[in-house]
Protein backbone atom coordinates (compact mmCIF):
# COMPACT_ATOMS: atom_id res chain seq x y z
CA MET A 1 -19.00 -6.56 -37.33
CA PHE A 2 -17.74 -4.30 -34.52
CA LEU A 3 -15.47 -7.19 -33.44
CA SER A 4 -14.11 -8.35 -36.49
CA LEU A 5 -13.27 -4.63 -37.31
CA VAL A 6 -11.28 -4.71 -33.98
CA GLY A 7 -9.51 -7.92 -34.66
CA LEU A 8 -8.19 -6.55 -38.09
CA SER A 9 -7.35 -3.44 -35.92
CA MET A 10 -4.75 -5.85 -33.59
CA GLU A 11 -3.38 -7.17 -36.68
CA ALA A 12 -2.48 -3.91 -38.38
CA ARG A 13 -0.75 -2.71 -35.63
CA THR A 14 1.45 -5.58 -35.07
CA THR A 15 4.61 -5.96 -37.07
CA PRO A 16 5.65 -9.30 -38.31
CA GLY A 17 7.88 -11.17 -36.11
CA GLU A 18 7.61 -8.28 -33.35
CA ASP A 19 9.02 -9.48 -30.03
CA LEU A 20 5.78 -8.20 -28.01
CA SER A 21 7.12 -9.84 -24.74
CA GLU A 22 10.04 -7.15 -25.43
CA TRP A 23 7.66 -4.48 -26.15
CA VAL A 24 5.08 -4.73 -22.90
CA ARG A 25 8.48 -4.29 -21.05
CA LYS A 26 9.19 -0.94 -22.46
CA ASP A 27 5.36 0.47 -22.72
CA ASN A 28 4.66 3.03 -20.56
CA ARG A 29 2.50 1.14 -17.86
CA ARG A 30 1.20 2.60 -14.57
CA PHE A 31 -1.64 1.39 -12.26
CA LEU A 32 -4.52 4.22 -12.59
CA ARG A 33 -7.37 2.71 -10.14
CA ALA A 34 -8.97 -0.51 -8.61
CA ILE A 35 -12.37 -0.65 -8.86
CA ILE A 36 -14.70 -1.78 -5.95
CA ARG A 37 -18.56 -2.11 -5.17
CA VAL A 38 -19.87 -0.31 -2.24
CA GLY A 39 -23.04 -0.85 -0.26
CA ASN A 40 -22.88 3.07 0.76
CA LEU A 41 -21.07 5.49 -0.58
CA ASP A 42 -21.03 8.26 1.96
CA ARG A 43 -20.32 5.85 4.47
CA THR A 44 -17.27 4.39 2.60
CA ILE A 45 -16.22 7.71 1.57
CA ASP A 46 -16.22 8.95 5.47
CA PHE A 47 -13.83 5.96 6.14
CA TYR A 48 -11.28 6.47 3.29
CA THR A 49 -11.07 10.22 3.83
CA GLU A 50 -11.27 10.57 7.53
CA CYS A 51 -9.65 7.30 9.23
CA LEU A 52 -6.98 6.74 6.00
CA GLY A 53 -6.64 10.35 4.76
CA MET A 54 -7.34 9.80 1.35
CA LYS A 55 -9.33 12.96 -0.53
CA VAL A 56 -12.52 12.50 -2.77
CA LEU A 57 -11.39 13.48 -6.20
CA ARG A 58 -14.60 12.98 -8.15
CA ARG A 59 -17.96 11.84 -7.33
CA VAL A 60 -20.51 11.58 -10.13
CA ASP A 61 -24.23 10.31 -10.33
CA PHE A 62 -25.64 8.25 -12.78
CA PRO A 63 -29.10 7.87 -12.17
CA GLU A 64 -29.97 7.28 -15.51
CA ASN A 65 -28.25 3.73 -14.88
CA ARG A 66 -29.05 3.61 -11.23
CA TYR A 67 -25.60 4.26 -9.74
CA SER A 68 -23.11 6.72 -8.20
CA VAL A 69 -19.29 6.73 -8.53
CA ALA A 70 -16.83 8.63 -6.06
CA VAL A 71 -13.03 8.33 -6.77
CA VAL A 72 -10.51 8.68 -3.79
CA GLY A 73 -6.83 8.72 -3.66
CA PHE A 74 -3.89 10.38 -1.75
CA GLY A 75 -3.17 12.24 -5.07
CA PRO A 76 -4.73 13.44 -8.40
CA GLU A 77 -5.95 10.46 -11.01
CA ASP A 78 -3.60 11.77 -13.24
CA SER A 79 -0.21 10.79 -11.36
CA HIS A 80 -1.68 8.21 -8.67
CA PHE A 81 -3.22 4.76 -8.22
CA VAL A 82 -6.69 5.45 -6.91
CA ILE A 83 -9.83 3.54 -5.82
CA GLU A 84 -12.88 4.10 -7.68
CA MET A 85 -16.09 3.09 -5.58
CA ARG A 86 -19.27 2.22 -7.22
CA TYR A 87 -22.63 2.15 -5.44
CA HIS A 88 -25.54 0.48 -7.34
CA TYR A 89 -29.11 1.72 -6.05
CA GLY A 90 -30.60 -0.37 -3.74
CA VAL A 91 -27.71 -2.70 -2.84
CA ASP A 92 -26.41 -2.57 0.38
CA THR A 93 -24.04 -5.49 0.76
CA TYR A 94 -21.65 -7.70 -1.09
CA GLU A 95 -19.38 -10.89 -0.91
CA ILE A 96 -16.05 -10.10 -0.47
CA GLY A 97 -15.15 -13.30 -1.28
CA THR A 98 -11.99 -15.54 -0.38
CA GLY A 99 -9.67 -14.50 -3.31
CA PHE A 100 -9.50 -10.90 -2.76
CA GLY A 101 -6.37 -10.30 -0.37
CA GLU A 102 -6.75 -6.51 0.77
CA PHE A 103 -5.47 -2.80 -0.13
CA GLY A 104 -1.98 -1.61 1.27
CA ILE A 105 -1.78 1.70 2.42
CA ALA A 106 1.60 2.91 3.65
CA THR A 107 2.04 5.36 6.26
CA GLN A 108 4.19 6.56 9.10
CA ASP A 109 1.49 6.77 11.73
CA VAL A 110 0.27 3.12 11.87
CA TYR A 111 -0.88 3.43 15.78
CA GLY A 112 -2.88 6.54 14.62
CA ILE A 113 -4.68 5.48 11.78
CA VAL A 114 -5.77 2.16 13.49
CA GLU A 115 -6.90 4.69 16.36
CA LYS A 116 -8.87 6.58 13.90
CA VAL A 117 -10.68 3.13 12.52
CA ARG A 118 -11.41 2.24 16.21
CA ALA A 119 -12.70 5.55 17.18
CA LYS A 120 -15.10 5.44 14.12
CA GLY A 121 -16.54 1.76 15.19
CA GLY A 122 -14.25 0.62 12.39
CA ILE A 123 -12.81 -3.17 12.95
CA VAL A 124 -9.25 -3.90 13.81
CA THR A 125 -8.28 -7.73 12.76
CA ARG A 126 -4.86 -7.54 13.74
CA GLU A 127 -3.51 -4.77 16.05
CA PRO A 128 -0.48 -2.99 15.40
CA GLY A 129 3.26 -4.81 15.73
CA PRO A 130 5.56 -6.01 13.85
CA ILE A 131 5.37 -9.98 12.53
CA ALA A 132 5.66 -12.62 15.24
CA GLY A 133 8.80 -14.35 15.48
CA GLY A 134 11.06 -11.72 13.94
CA GLY A 135 10.86 -8.22 11.66
CA THR A 136 11.12 -4.73 12.46
CA THR A 137 8.38 -3.50 10.02
CA VAL A 138 5.23 -2.49 11.90
CA PHE A 139 1.75 -3.13 10.13
CA ALA A 140 -2.27 -3.53 11.21
CA PHE A 141 -4.80 -5.03 9.26
CA VAL A 142 -8.44 -3.35 9.26
CA LEU A 143 -11.88 -3.80 7.60
CA ASP A 144 -13.54 -1.36 5.92
CA PRO A 145 -17.35 -0.66 6.16
CA ASP A 146 -18.06 -2.98 3.27
CA GLY A 147 -15.25 -5.51 4.96
CA TYR A 148 -12.63 -4.82 2.57
CA PRO A 149 -9.24 -5.66 4.36
CA ILE A 150 -6.63 -2.96 4.29
CA GLU A 151 -3.07 -3.74 5.26
CA ILE A 152 -2.05 -0.17 7.47
CA ILE A 153 2.19 -0.66 6.63
CA ASP A 154 4.88 1.57 8.49
CA ARG A 155 7.14 3.07 5.76
CA PRO A 156 9.08 6.37 4.74
CA PRO A 157 7.49 8.76 2.51
CA THR A 158 6.55 7.30 -1.11
CA PRO A 159 4.99 8.64 -3.88
CA GLU A 160 2.61 6.06 -3.91
CA PRO A 161 0.77 5.50 -0.56
CA LEU A 162 -1.96 3.05 -1.66
CA CYS A 163 0.87 0.99 -2.30
CA GLN A 164 -0.45 -2.43 -3.09
CA ILE A 165 -3.65 -4.86 -4.24
CA LYS A 166 -3.15 -8.35 -2.94
CA LEU A 167 -4.93 -11.13 -5.01
CA LEU A 168 -5.03 -15.16 -3.79
CA VAL A 169 -3.66 -17.53 -6.38
CA THR A 170 -3.62 -21.38 -6.84
CA ASP A 171 -0.94 -21.52 -8.52
CA LEU A 172 1.99 -18.62 -8.05
CA ASP A 173 4.33 -19.85 -10.52
CA ARG A 174 1.64 -19.58 -13.44
CA ALA A 175 0.30 -15.97 -12.12
CA ILE A 176 3.92 -14.61 -11.67
CA ASN A 177 4.83 -15.59 -15.19
CA PHE A 178 1.22 -14.34 -17.01
CA TYR A 179 2.02 -10.90 -14.98
CA GLN A 180 5.37 -10.95 -16.34
CA LYS A 181 4.63 -11.96 -19.65
CA ALA A 182 1.12 -10.40 -20.37
CA LEU A 183 1.53 -6.80 -18.23
CA GLY A 184 5.36 -6.33 -18.64
CA MET A 185 5.40 -6.42 -15.05
CA ASN A 186 8.82 -7.35 -13.19
CA LEU A 187 9.03 -9.31 -10.26
CA LEU A 188 10.22 -6.85 -7.37
CA LEU A 189 9.87 -9.29 -4.40
CA PRO A 190 10.42 -13.04 -5.65
CA LYS A 191 8.29 -15.63 -3.55
CA PHE A 192 9.04 -16.72 -0.34
CA ASP A 193 7.39 -19.11 2.16
CA VAL A 194 5.75 -18.03 5.45
CA THR A 195 5.94 -21.64 6.74
CA ALA A 196 4.34 -20.83 10.27
CA ASP A 197 1.28 -19.35 8.40
CA LYS A 198 1.47 -21.86 5.84
CA TYR A 199 1.22 -19.39 2.36
CA THR A 200 3.78 -18.20 -0.40
CA ILE A 201 3.87 -14.78 -1.62
CA ALA A 202 5.47 -12.81 -4.42
CA MET A 203 5.00 -9.28 -5.34
CA VAL A 204 4.86 -7.97 -9.13
CA GLY A 205 4.80 -4.49 -10.19
CA TYR A 206 6.26 -1.67 -12.83
CA GLY A 207 9.59 0.31 -11.62
CA SER A 208 12.27 -1.04 -9.55
CA ASN A 209 11.55 0.31 -5.76
CA LEU A 210 9.33 -2.25 -3.62
CA THR A 211 8.44 0.76 -1.43
CA GLN A 212 8.18 3.36 -4.39
CA THR A 213 5.06 2.02 -6.43
CA THR A 214 2.29 0.49 -6.42
CA VAL A 215 2.33 -3.41 -6.24
CA VAL A 216 0.27 -6.37 -7.08
CA GLU A 217 0.76 -9.13 -3.90
CA LEU A 218 0.35 -12.24 -5.31
CA LYS A 219 -0.33 -14.86 -2.20
CA SER A 220 -0.89 -19.03 -2.39
CA ASP A 221 -1.88 -20.71 0.39
CA PHE A 222 -0.70 -23.81 1.25
CA ASN A 223 -3.35 -26.62 -0.15
CA VAL A 224 -6.06 -24.67 -1.10
CA THR A 225 -7.23 -25.12 -4.54
CA GLU A 226 -9.86 -23.08 -5.29
CA TYR A 227 -10.60 -19.26 -4.02
CA THR A 228 -14.18 -17.60 -4.26
CA LYS A 229 -14.34 -14.08 -6.29
CA GLY A 230 -17.18 -12.70 -4.82
CA ASN A 231 -19.02 -9.44 -6.08
CA GLY A 232 -17.43 -6.88 -4.51
CA TYR A 233 -14.03 -6.51 -5.88
CA GLU A 234 -14.12 -5.74 -9.65
CA GLN A 235 -11.29 -4.87 -11.39
CA LEU A 236 -7.56 -3.10 -11.96
CA VAL A 237 -7.01 -0.57 -14.56
CA ILE A 238 -3.38 -0.42 -16.13
CA GLY A 239 -2.55 2.82 -18.51
CA THR A 240 -0.83 1.87 -21.67
CA ASP A 241 0.72 3.59 -24.91
CA ASP A 242 -1.33 0.86 -27.48
CA VAL A 243 -4.10 -1.46 -26.45
CA TYR A 244 -4.10 -2.89 -29.38
CA LYS A 245 -0.18 -4.44 -29.19
CA SER A 246 -0.99 -5.02 -25.03
CA ALA A 247 -4.14 -7.08 -25.79
CA GLU A 248 -2.05 -9.46 -28.44
CA ALA A 249 0.48 -9.87 -25.90
CA VAL A 250 -2.25 -10.41 -23.42
CA LYS A 251 -3.65 -13.14 -25.97
CA ILE A 252 -0.29 -14.92 -26.46
CA ALA A 253 0.73 -15.16 -22.83
CA ALA A 254 -3.17 -16.63 -22.30
CA GLN A 255 -2.69 -19.36 -24.91
CA GLU A 256 0.51 -20.58 -23.06
CA LEU A 257 -0.82 -19.93 -19.01
CA GLY A 258 -4.63 -19.16 -19.31
CA GLY A 259 -6.74 -16.51 -19.16
CA LYS A 260 -8.48 -14.73 -22.17
CA ILE A 261 -9.43 -11.25 -23.74
CA ILE A 262 -13.19 -10.78 -22.88
CA ARG A 263 -13.00 -6.90 -24.55
CA PRO A 264 -11.47 -6.82 -27.66
CA PRO A 265 -9.17 -3.35 -28.02
CA GLY A 266 -11.31 -0.56 -29.15
CA PRO A 267 -12.80 2.77 -28.64
CA ILE A 268 -15.89 2.56 -25.85
CA PRO A 269 -18.96 4.32 -27.72
CA LYS A 270 -19.83 7.79 -26.46
CA ILE A 271 -16.44 8.43 -24.68
CA ASN A 272 -13.84 7.04 -27.46
CA ALA A 273 -11.50 6.25 -24.95
CA LYS A 274 -9.63 2.84 -26.33
CA ILE A 275 -9.56 -0.07 -23.91
CA THR A 276 -9.19 -4.06 -23.73
CA ALA A 277 -10.38 -6.16 -20.90
CA PHE A 278 -9.18 -9.77 -20.11
CA LEU A 279 -9.08 -12.19 -17.36
CA ASP A 280 -5.65 -13.51 -15.96
CA PRO A 281 -5.71 -17.30 -15.32
CA GLU A 282 -7.31 -17.46 -11.86
CA GLY A 283 -9.96 -14.93 -13.13
CA TRP A 284 -8.91 -11.81 -12.33
CA GLU A 285 -10.13 -8.82 -14.32
CA THR A 286 -8.07 -6.11 -15.30
CA VAL A 287 -8.67 -3.11 -17.74
CA LEU A 288 -6.23 -1.53 -19.93
CA VAL A 289 -6.78 1.83 -21.21
CA ASP A 290 -5.11 4.07 -24.09
CA ASN A 291 -2.57 6.79 -21.77
CA GLU A 292 -3.88 9.79 -23.64
CA ASP A 293 -7.22 8.83 -24.28
CA TYR A 294 -7.46 8.51 -20.35
CA LEU A 295 -5.82 11.97 -19.65
CA LYS A 296 -8.34 13.68 -22.34
CA GLU A 297 -10.98 12.47 -20.38
CA LEU A 298 -9.97 13.09 -16.88
CA GLN A 299 -9.25 16.77 -18.59
CA LYS A 300 -13.14 16.71 -19.49
CA LYS A 301 -14.05 15.81 -15.79
CA GLU A 302 -12.11 18.84 -14.50
């Protein structure tokens, strides 16, 4: 009964002949959070705060459901992209998989952050320096305590220091088209080959300036036809002014490019926030949340 009522709501909210591909580009959207599972909440919080400079924005325990949540970021949840960490009682390790790329952190002190990571016993997988063969941007790679890769990138001050999330895909053109058509994202960095390392990348997101906003970096390795998802990285959460229209736009894009709605649009029981959730053609999960409902829920938690 509930699912059928949601379906009627979707139809009622879209006008016959309405161009949803145009609407998604005008919708008020923002990257809200990425959700990951961690094996030790205190240990991971220490890493993100002491090494990367984030702050603990919220921490809640749900003993009846046997899990705890911590939210960390460089600024408040109502204005910044943040990371939500979930610890499930008794589970101390997760498989990251080959498909999750990394989080990107913009900073003016790449070397200093790397030394903090090293001092805390963290793993540095690439020492700071520019890309081999040319380029001047200094960057490094480290692993957090659960094995999630993090790229530390030298950039001027930006409103979104948690600047990117990388996802690996087998069909880059299809992924770009899906994120543009289903989510209204802009192609902020057109795809290009890094021949020496045998991969192609492109970056999509909202806004127009690659260095001033959070982006999704889509990467495709040469001759790789499958990536594993693991069970660590969970989903990306994005705000929208209308989850019903958003879901219909995703449905249309999925019919052409692949992917599927896994939670029809509607309110979540008990908290009354309207959401919808879907898988992209590669199986990566995204949740779209009503912007007003999201802010109301944040105010309740203050």
